[in-house]
PDB file of N, CA and C in Angstrom:
ATOM      1  N   UNK A   1       0.844  -1.188   0.000  1.00  0.00           N
ATOM      2  CA  UNK A   1       0.000   0.000   0.000  1.00  0.00           C
ATOM      3  C   UNK A   1       0.885   1.245   0.000  1.00  0.00           C
ATOM      4  N   UNK A   2       0.664   2.129  -0.949  1.00  0.00           N
ATOM      5  CA  UNK A   2       1.463   3.344  -1.052  1.00  0.00           C
ATOM      6  C   UNK A   2       0.929   4.416  -0.104  1.00  0.00           C
ATOM      7  N   UNK A   3       1.851   5.062   0.588  1.00  0.00           N
ATOM      8  CA  UNK A   3       1.523   6.166   1.485  1.00  0.00           C
ATOM      9  C   UNK A   3       1.825   7.464   0.751  1.00  0.00           C
ATOM     10  N   UNK A   4       0.872   8.373   0.737  1.00  0.00           N
ATOM     11  CA  UNK A   4       1.044   9.678   0.102  1.00  0.00           C
ATOM     12  C   UNK A   4       1.530  10.662   1.159  1.00  0.00           C
ATOM     13  N   UNK A   5       2.717  11.200   0.961  1.00  0.00           N
ATOM     14  CA  UNK A   5       3.294  12.131   1.933  1.00  0.00           C
ATOM     15  C   UNK A   5       3.089  13.551   1.420  1.00  0.00           C
ATOM     16  N   UNK A   6       2.476  14.387   2.259  1.00  0.00           N
ATOM     17  CA  UNK A   6       2.104  15.749   1.885  1.00  0.00           C
ATOM     18  C   UNK A   6       2.938  16.777   2.640  1.00  0.00           C
ATOM     19  N   UNK A   7       3.016  17.986   2.075  1.00  0.00           N
ATOM     20  CA  UNK A   7       3.658  19.095   2.769  1.00  0.00           C
ATOM     21  C   UNK A   7       2.687  19.662   3.799  1.00  0.00           C
ATOM     22  N   UNK A   8       3.245  20.202   4.867  1.00  0.00           N
ATOM     23  CA  UNK A   8       2.407  20.841   5.881  1.00  0.00           C
ATOM     24  C   UNK A   8       2.310  22.345   5.657  1.00  0.00           C
ATOM     25  N   UNK A   9       3.206  22.861   4.804  1.00  0.00           N
ATOM     26  CA  UNK A   9       3.236  24.303   4.537  1.00  0.00           C
ATOM     27  C   UNK A   9       3.429  24.550   3.042  1.00  0.00           C
ATOM     28  N   UNK A  10       3.057  25.742   2.612  1.00  0.00           N
ATOM     29  CA  UNK A  10       3.355  26.170   1.247  1.00  0.00           C
ATOM     30  C   UNK A  10       4.766  26.740   1.241  1.00  0.00           C
ATOM     31  N   UNK A  11       5.461  26.578   0.132  1.00  0.00           N
ATOM     32  CA  UNK A  11       6.817  27.120   0.041  1.00  0.00           C
ATOM     33  C   UNK A  11       7.519  26.599  -1.193  1.00  0.00           C
ATOM     34  N   UNK A  12       8.844  26.608  -1.132  1.00  0.00           N
ATOM     35  CA  UNK A  12       9.678  26.196  -2.248  1.00  0.00           C
ATOM     36  C   UNK A  12      10.500  24.981  -1.817  1.00  0.00           C
ATOM     37  N   UNK A  13      10.600  23.990  -2.706  1.00  0.00           N
ATOM     38  CA  UNK A  13      11.409  22.804  -2.404  1.00  0.00           C
ATOM     39  C   UNK A  13      12.874  23.248  -2.417  1.00  0.00           C
ATOM     40  N   UNK A  14      13.482  23.247  -1.240  1.00  0.00           N
ATOM     41  CA  UNK A  14      14.862  23.706  -1.106  1.00  0.00           C
ATOM     42  C   UNK A  14      15.843  22.573  -1.383  1.00  0.00           C
ATOM     43  N   UNK A  15      15.574  21.397  -0.804  1.00  0.00           N
ATOM     44  CA  UNK A  15      16.494  20.275  -0.978  1.00  0.00           C
ATOM     45  C   UNK A  15      15.745  18.952  -0.868  1.00  0.00           C
ATOM     46  N   UNK A  16      16.070  18.017  -1.745  1.00  0.00           N
ATOM     47  CA  UNK A  16      15.527  16.659  -1.676  1.00  0.00           C
ATOM     48  C   UNK A  16      16.598  15.789  -1.035  1.00  0.00           C
ATOM     49  N   UNK A  17      16.241  15.153   0.076  1.00  0.00           N
ATOM     50  CA  UNK A  17      17.197  14.402   0.888  1.00  0.00           C
ATOM     51  C   UNK A  17      17.151  12.891   0.637  1.00  0.00           C
ATOM     52  N   UNK A  18      16.343  12.448  -0.313  1.00  0.00           N
ATOM     53  CA  UNK A  18      16.157  11.014  -0.540  1.00  0.00           C
ATOM     54  C   UNK A  18      16.147  10.733  -2.044  1.00  0.00           C
ATOM     55  N   UNK A  19      16.046   9.472  -2.406  1.00  0.00           N
ATOM     56  CA  UNK A  19      15.999   9.084  -3.817  1.00  0.00           C
ATOM     57  C   UNK A  19      15.052   7.902  -3.989  1.00  0.00           C
ATOM     58  N   UNK A  20      14.525   7.741  -5.192  1.00  0.00           N
ATOM     59  CA  UNK A  20      13.653   6.607  -5.492  1.00  0.00           C
ATOM     60  C   UNK A  20      14.420   5.307  -5.228  1.00  0.00           C
ATOM     61  N   UNK A  21      13.759   4.376  -4.540  1.00  0.00           N
ATOM     62  CA  UNK A  21      14.371   3.091  -4.221  1.00  0.00           C
ATOM     63  C   UNK A  21      15.082   3.060  -2.879  1.00  0.00           C
ATOM     64  N   UNK A  22      15.265   4.220  -2.272  1.00  0.00           N
ATOM     65  CA  UNK A  22      15.954   4.294  -0.984  1.00  0.00           C
ATOM     66  C   UNK A  22      15.035   3.856   0.151  1.00  0.00           C
ATOM     67  N   UNK A  23      15.585   3.098   1.096  1.00  0.00           N
ATOM     68  CA  UNK A  23      14.848   2.730   2.307  1.00  0.00           C
ATOM     69  C   UNK A  23      14.973   3.853   3.320  1.00  0.00           C
ATOM     70  N   UNK A  24      13.869   4.170   3.980  1.00  0.00           N
ATOM     71  CA  UNK A  24      13.872   5.224   4.988  1.00  0.00           C
ATOM     72  C   UNK A  24      13.238   4.704   6.267  1.00  0.00           C
ATOM     73  N   UNK A  25      13.599   5.338   7.376  1.00  0.00           N
ATOM     74  CA  UNK A  25      13.039   4.999   8.682  1.00  0.00           C
ATOM     75  C   UNK A  25      11.991   6.045   9.068  1.00  0.00           C
ATOM     76  N   UNK A  26      11.176   5.734  10.036  1.00  0.00           N
ATOM     77  CA  UNK A  26      10.197   6.677  10.553  1.00  0.00           C
ATOM     78  C   UNK A  26      10.903   7.959  10.977  1.00  0.00           C
ATOM     79  N   UNK A  27      10.349   9.093  10.582  1.00  0.00           N
ATOM     80  CA  UNK A  27      10.844  10.433  10.909  1.00  0.00           C
ATOM     81  C   UNK A  27      12.097  10.858  10.151  1.00  0.00           C
ATOM     82  N   UNK A  28      12.585  10.056   9.192  1.00  0.00           N
ATOM     83  CA  UNK A  28      13.684  10.513   8.342  1.00  0.00           C
ATOM     84  C   UNK A  28      13.207  11.711   7.520  1.00  0.00           C
ATOM     85  N   UNK A  29      14.064  12.701   7.355  1.00  0.00           N
ATOM     86  CA  UNK A  29      13.740  13.856   6.521  1.00  0.00           C
ATOM     87  C   UNK A  29      13.852  13.455   5.060  1.00  0.00           C
ATOM     88  N   UNK A  30      12.782  13.697   4.308  1.00  0.00           N
ATOM     89  CA  UNK A  30      12.748  13.364   2.882  1.00  0.00           C
ATOM     90  C   UNK A  30      13.012  14.588   2.018  1.00  0.00           C
ATOM     91  N   UNK A  31      12.379  15.694   2.396  1.00  0.00           N
ATOM     92  CA  UNK A  31      12.462  16.934   1.627  1.00  0.00           C
ATOM     93  C   UNK A  31      12.493  18.101   2.606  1.00  0.00           C
ATOM     94  N   UNK A  32      13.228  19.157   2.238  1.00  0.00           N
ATOM     95  CA  UNK A  32      13.211  20.395   3.005  1.00  0.00           C
ATOM     96  C   UNK A  32      12.469  21.446   2.186  1.00  0.00           C
ATOM     97  N   UNK A  33      11.473  22.070   2.817  1.00  0.00           N
ATOM     98  CA  UNK A  33      10.688  23.129   2.199  1.00  0.00           C
ATOM     99  C   UNK A  33      11.118  24.453   2.815  1.00  0.00           C
ATOM    100  N   UNK A  34      11.414  25.430   1.967  1.00  0.00           N
ATOM    101  CA  UNK A  34      11.735  26.771   2.460  1.00  0.00           C
ATOM    102  C   UNK A  34      10.448  27.577   2.473  1.00  0.00           C
ATOM    103  N   UNK A  35      10.092  28.058   3.662  1.00  0.00           N
ATOM    104  CA  UNK A  35       8.865  28.826   3.825  1.00  0.00           C
ATOM    105  C   UNK A  35       9.123  29.930   4.845  1.00  0.00           C
ATOM    106  N   UNK A  36       8.887  31.158   4.465  1.00  0.00           N
ATOM    107  CA  UNK A  36       9.100  32.313   5.343  1.00  0.00           C
ATOM    108  C   UNK A  36      10.511  32.309   5.939  1.00  0.00           C
ATOM    109  N   UNK A  37      11.505  32.034   5.105  1.00  0.00           N
ATOM    110  CA  UNK A  37      12.929  32.021   5.465  1.00  0.00           C
ATOM    111  C   UNK A  37      13.274  30.952   6.501  1.00  0.00           C
ATOM    112  N   UNK A  38      12.422  29.929   6.620  1.00  0.00           N
ATOM    113  CA  UNK A  38      12.683  28.797   7.511  1.00  0.00           C
ATOM    114  C   UNK A  38      12.721  27.523   6.683  1.00  0.00           C
ATOM    115  N   UNK A  39      13.479  26.538   7.143  1.00  0.00           N
ATOM    116  CA  UNK A  39      13.514  25.231   6.490  1.00  0.00           C
ATOM    117  C   UNK A  39      12.591  24.293   7.252  1.00  0.00           C
ATOM    118  N   UNK A  40      11.569  23.800   6.580  1.00  0.00           N
ATOM    119  CA  UNK A  40      10.583  22.915   7.187  1.00  0.00           C
ATOM    120  C   UNK A  40      10.783  21.519   6.619  1.00  0.00           C
ATOM    121  N   UNK A  41      11.101  20.527   7.473  1.00  0.00           N
ATOM    122  CA  UNK A  41      11.297  19.175   6.948  1.00  0.00           C
ATOM    123  C   UNK A  41       9.970  18.468   6.660  1.00  0.00           C
ATOM    124  N   UNK A  42       9.967  17.675   5.591  1.00  0.00           N
ATOM    125  CA  UNK A  42       8.872  16.744   5.314  1.00  0.00           C
ATOM    126  C   UNK A  42       9.444  15.380   5.674  1.00  0.00           C
ATOM    127  N   UNK A  43       8.866  14.746   6.698  1.00  0.00           N
ATOM    128  CA  UNK A  43       9.431  13.509   7.243  1.00  0.00           C
ATOM    129  C   UNK A  43       8.599  12.289   6.862  1.00  0.00           C
ATOM    130  N   UNK A  44       9.246  11.145   6.885  1.00  0.00           N
ATOM    131  CA  UNK A  44       8.559   9.878   6.615  1.00  0.00           C
ATOM    132  C   UNK A  44       7.673   9.524   7.816  1.00  0.00           C
ATOM    133  N   UNK A  45       6.393   9.240   7.588  1.00  0.00           N
ATOM    134  CA  UNK A  45       5.498   8.893   8.692  1.00  0.00           C
ATOM    135  C   UNK A  45       5.749   7.482   9.237  1.00  0.00           C
ATOM    136  N   UNK A  46       6.417   6.646   8.418  1.00  0.00           N
ATOM    137  CA  UNK A  46       6.764   5.291   8.838  1.00  0.00           C
ATOM    138  C   UNK A  46       7.926   4.805   7.989  1.00  0.00           C
ATOM    139  N   UNK A  47       8.495   3.680   8.345  1.00  0.00           N
ATOM    140  CA  UNK A  47       9.584   3.099   7.559  1.00  0.00           C
ATOM    141  C   UNK A  47       9.032   2.567   6.242  1.00  0.00           C
ATOM    142  N   UNK A  48       9.869   2.589   5.221  1.00  0.00           N
ATOM    143  CA  UNK A  48       9.444   2.075   3.921  1.00  0.00           C
ATOM    144  C   UNK A  48      10.474   2.371   2.853  1.00  0.00           C
ATOM    145  N   UNK A  49      10.045   2.240   1.598  1.00  0.00           N
ATOM    146  CA  UNK A  49      10.904   2.485   0.446  1.00  0.00           C
ATOM    147  C   UNK A  49      10.279   3.585  -0.402  1.00  0.00           C
ATOM    148  N   UNK A  50      11.099   4.534  -0.849  1.00  0.00           N
ATOM    149  CA  UNK A  50      10.607   5.626  -1.691  1.00  0.00           C
ATOM    150  C   UNK A  50      10.242   5.070  -3.065  1.00  0.00           C
ATOM    151  N   UNK A  51       8.984   5.267  -3.472  1.00  0.00           N
ATOM    152  CA  UNK A  51       8.488   4.779  -4.760  1.00  0.00           C
ATOM    153  C   UNK A  51       8.587   5.870  -5.822  1.00  0.00           C
ATOM    154  N   UNK A  52       8.224   7.098  -5.441  1.00  0.00           N
ATOM    155  CA  UNK A  52       8.225   8.191  -6.412  1.00  0.00           C
ATOM    156  C   UNK A  52       8.382   9.518  -5.688  1.00  0.00           C
ATOM    157  N   UNK A  53       9.155  10.425  -6.287  1.00  0.00           N
ATOM    158  CA  UNK A  53       9.282  11.796  -5.803  1.00  0.00           C
ATOM    159  C   UNK A  53       8.579  12.670  -6.829  1.00  0.00           C
ATOM    160  N   UNK A  54       7.558  13.396  -6.388  1.00  0.00           N
ATOM    161  CA  UNK A  54       6.677  14.112  -7.309  1.00  0.00           C
ATOM    162  C   UNK A  54       7.054  15.574  -7.516  1.00  0.00           C
ATOM    163  N   UNK A  55       8.145  16.030  -6.912  1.00  0.00           N
ATOM    164  CA  UNK A  55       8.600  17.412  -7.045  1.00  0.00           C
ATOM    165  C   UNK A  55      10.098  17.428  -7.338  1.00  0.00           C
ATOM    166  N   UNK A  56      10.588  18.579  -7.728  1.00  0.00           N
ATOM    167  CA  UNK A  56      12.023  18.774  -7.964  1.00  0.00           C
ATOM    168  C   UNK A  56      12.483  19.969  -7.136  1.00  0.00           C
ATOM    169  N   UNK A  57      13.789  20.035  -6.875  1.00  0.00           N
ATOM    170  CA  UNK A  57      14.326  21.189  -6.153  1.00  0.00           C
ATOM    171  C   UNK A  57      13.991  22.450  -6.929  1.00  0.00           C
ATOM    172  N   UNK A  58      13.522  23.458  -6.206  1.00  0.00           N
ATOM    173  CA  UNK A  58      13.129  24.722  -6.832  1.00  0.00           C
ATOM    174  C   UNK A  58      11.645  24.841  -7.106  1.00  0.00           C
ATOM    175  N   UNK A  59      10.916  23.722  -7.084  1.00  0.00           N
ATOM    176  CA  UNK A  59       9.464  23.762  -7.314  1.00  0.00           C
ATOM    177  C   UNK A  59       8.759  24.490  -6.169  1.00  0.00           C
ATOM    178  N   UNK A  60       7.683  25.177  -6.505  1.00  0.00           N
ATOM    179  CA  UNK A  60       6.815  25.794  -5.506  1.00  0.00           C
ATOM    180  C   UNK A  60       5.712  24.798  -5.187  1.00  0.00           C
ATOM    181  N   UNK A  61       5.459  24.576  -3.883  1.00  0.00           N
ATOM    182  CA  UNK A  61       4.442  23.612  -3.463  1.00  0.00           C
ATOM    183  C   UNK A  61       3.382  24.303  -2.601  1.00  0.00           C
ATOM    184  N   UNK A  62       2.196  23.746  -2.635  1.00  0.00           N
ATOM    185  CA  UNK A  62       1.083  24.248  -1.831  1.00  0.00           C
ATOM    186  C   UNK A  62       0.948  23.406  -0.575  1.00  0.00           C
ATOM    187  N   UNK A  63       0.350  23.986   0.453  1.00  0.00           N
ATOM    188  CA  UNK A  63       0.072  23.226   1.672  1.00  0.00           C
ATOM    189  C   UNK A  63      -0.816  22.037   1.333  1.00  0.00           C
ATOM    190  N   UNK A  64      -0.442  20.845   1.803  1.00  0.00           N
ATOM    191  CA  UNK A  64      -1.223  19.645   1.555  1.00  0.00           C
ATOM    192  C   UNK A  64      -0.906  18.950   0.245  1.00  0.00           C
ATOM    193  N   UNK A  65       0.033  19.479  -0.531  1.00  0.00           N
ATOM    194  CA  UNK A  65       0.406  18.851  -1.816  1.00  0.00           C
ATOM    195  C   UNK A  65       1.180  17.567  -1.570  1.00  0.00           C
ATOM    196  N   UNK A  66       0.844  16.515  -2.320  1.00  0.00           N
ATOM    197  CA  UNK A  66       1.569  15.240  -2.220  1.00  0.00           C
ATOM    198  C   UNK A  66       2.919  15.412  -2.915  1.00  0.00           C
ATOM    199  N   UNK A  67       4.016  15.091  -2.187  1.00  0.00           N
ATOM    200  CA  UNK A  67       5.356  15.288  -2.730  1.00  0.00           C
ATOM    201  C   UNK A  67       6.134  13.994  -2.885  1.00  0.00           C
ATOM    202  N   UNK A  68       5.768  12.955  -2.119  1.00  0.00           N
ATOM    203  CA  UNK A  68       6.487  11.683  -2.147  1.00  0.00           C
ATOM    204  C   UNK A  68       5.494  10.543  -1.980  1.00  0.00           C
ATOM    205  N   UNK A  69       5.747   9.427  -2.678  1.00  0.00           N
ATOM    206  CA  UNK A  69       4.997   8.192  -2.448  1.00  0.00           C
ATOM    207  C   UNK A  69       5.928   7.195  -1.794  1.00  0.00           C
ATOM    208  N   UNK A  70       5.459   6.608  -0.708  1.00  0.00           N
ATOM    209  CA  UNK A  70       6.256   5.663   0.103  1.00  0.00           C
ATOM    210  C   UNK A  70       5.549   4.316   0.104  1.00  0.00           C
ATOM    211  N   UNK A  71       6.286   3.232  -0.085  1.00  0.00           N
ATOM    212  CA  UNK A  71       5.706   1.894  -0.083  1.00  0.00           C
ATOM    213  C   UNK A  71       6.113   1.182   1.199  1.00  0.00           C
TER     214      UNK A  71
END
């Protein structure tokens, strides 16, 4: 079952910390969002494998936008 990971804030994708196929643990930082001059991490809600990254560095994202699929 794929888990859809969403941003909690609107902002710009500053850095992608993971890659497709990579195994991650609960609370690992997947993406950093720059919002109001702060870096907000998007973390893995559980352990799994990254299936797809739906954004690129520099993209503007909306609050609640799905950015990563985790299996």
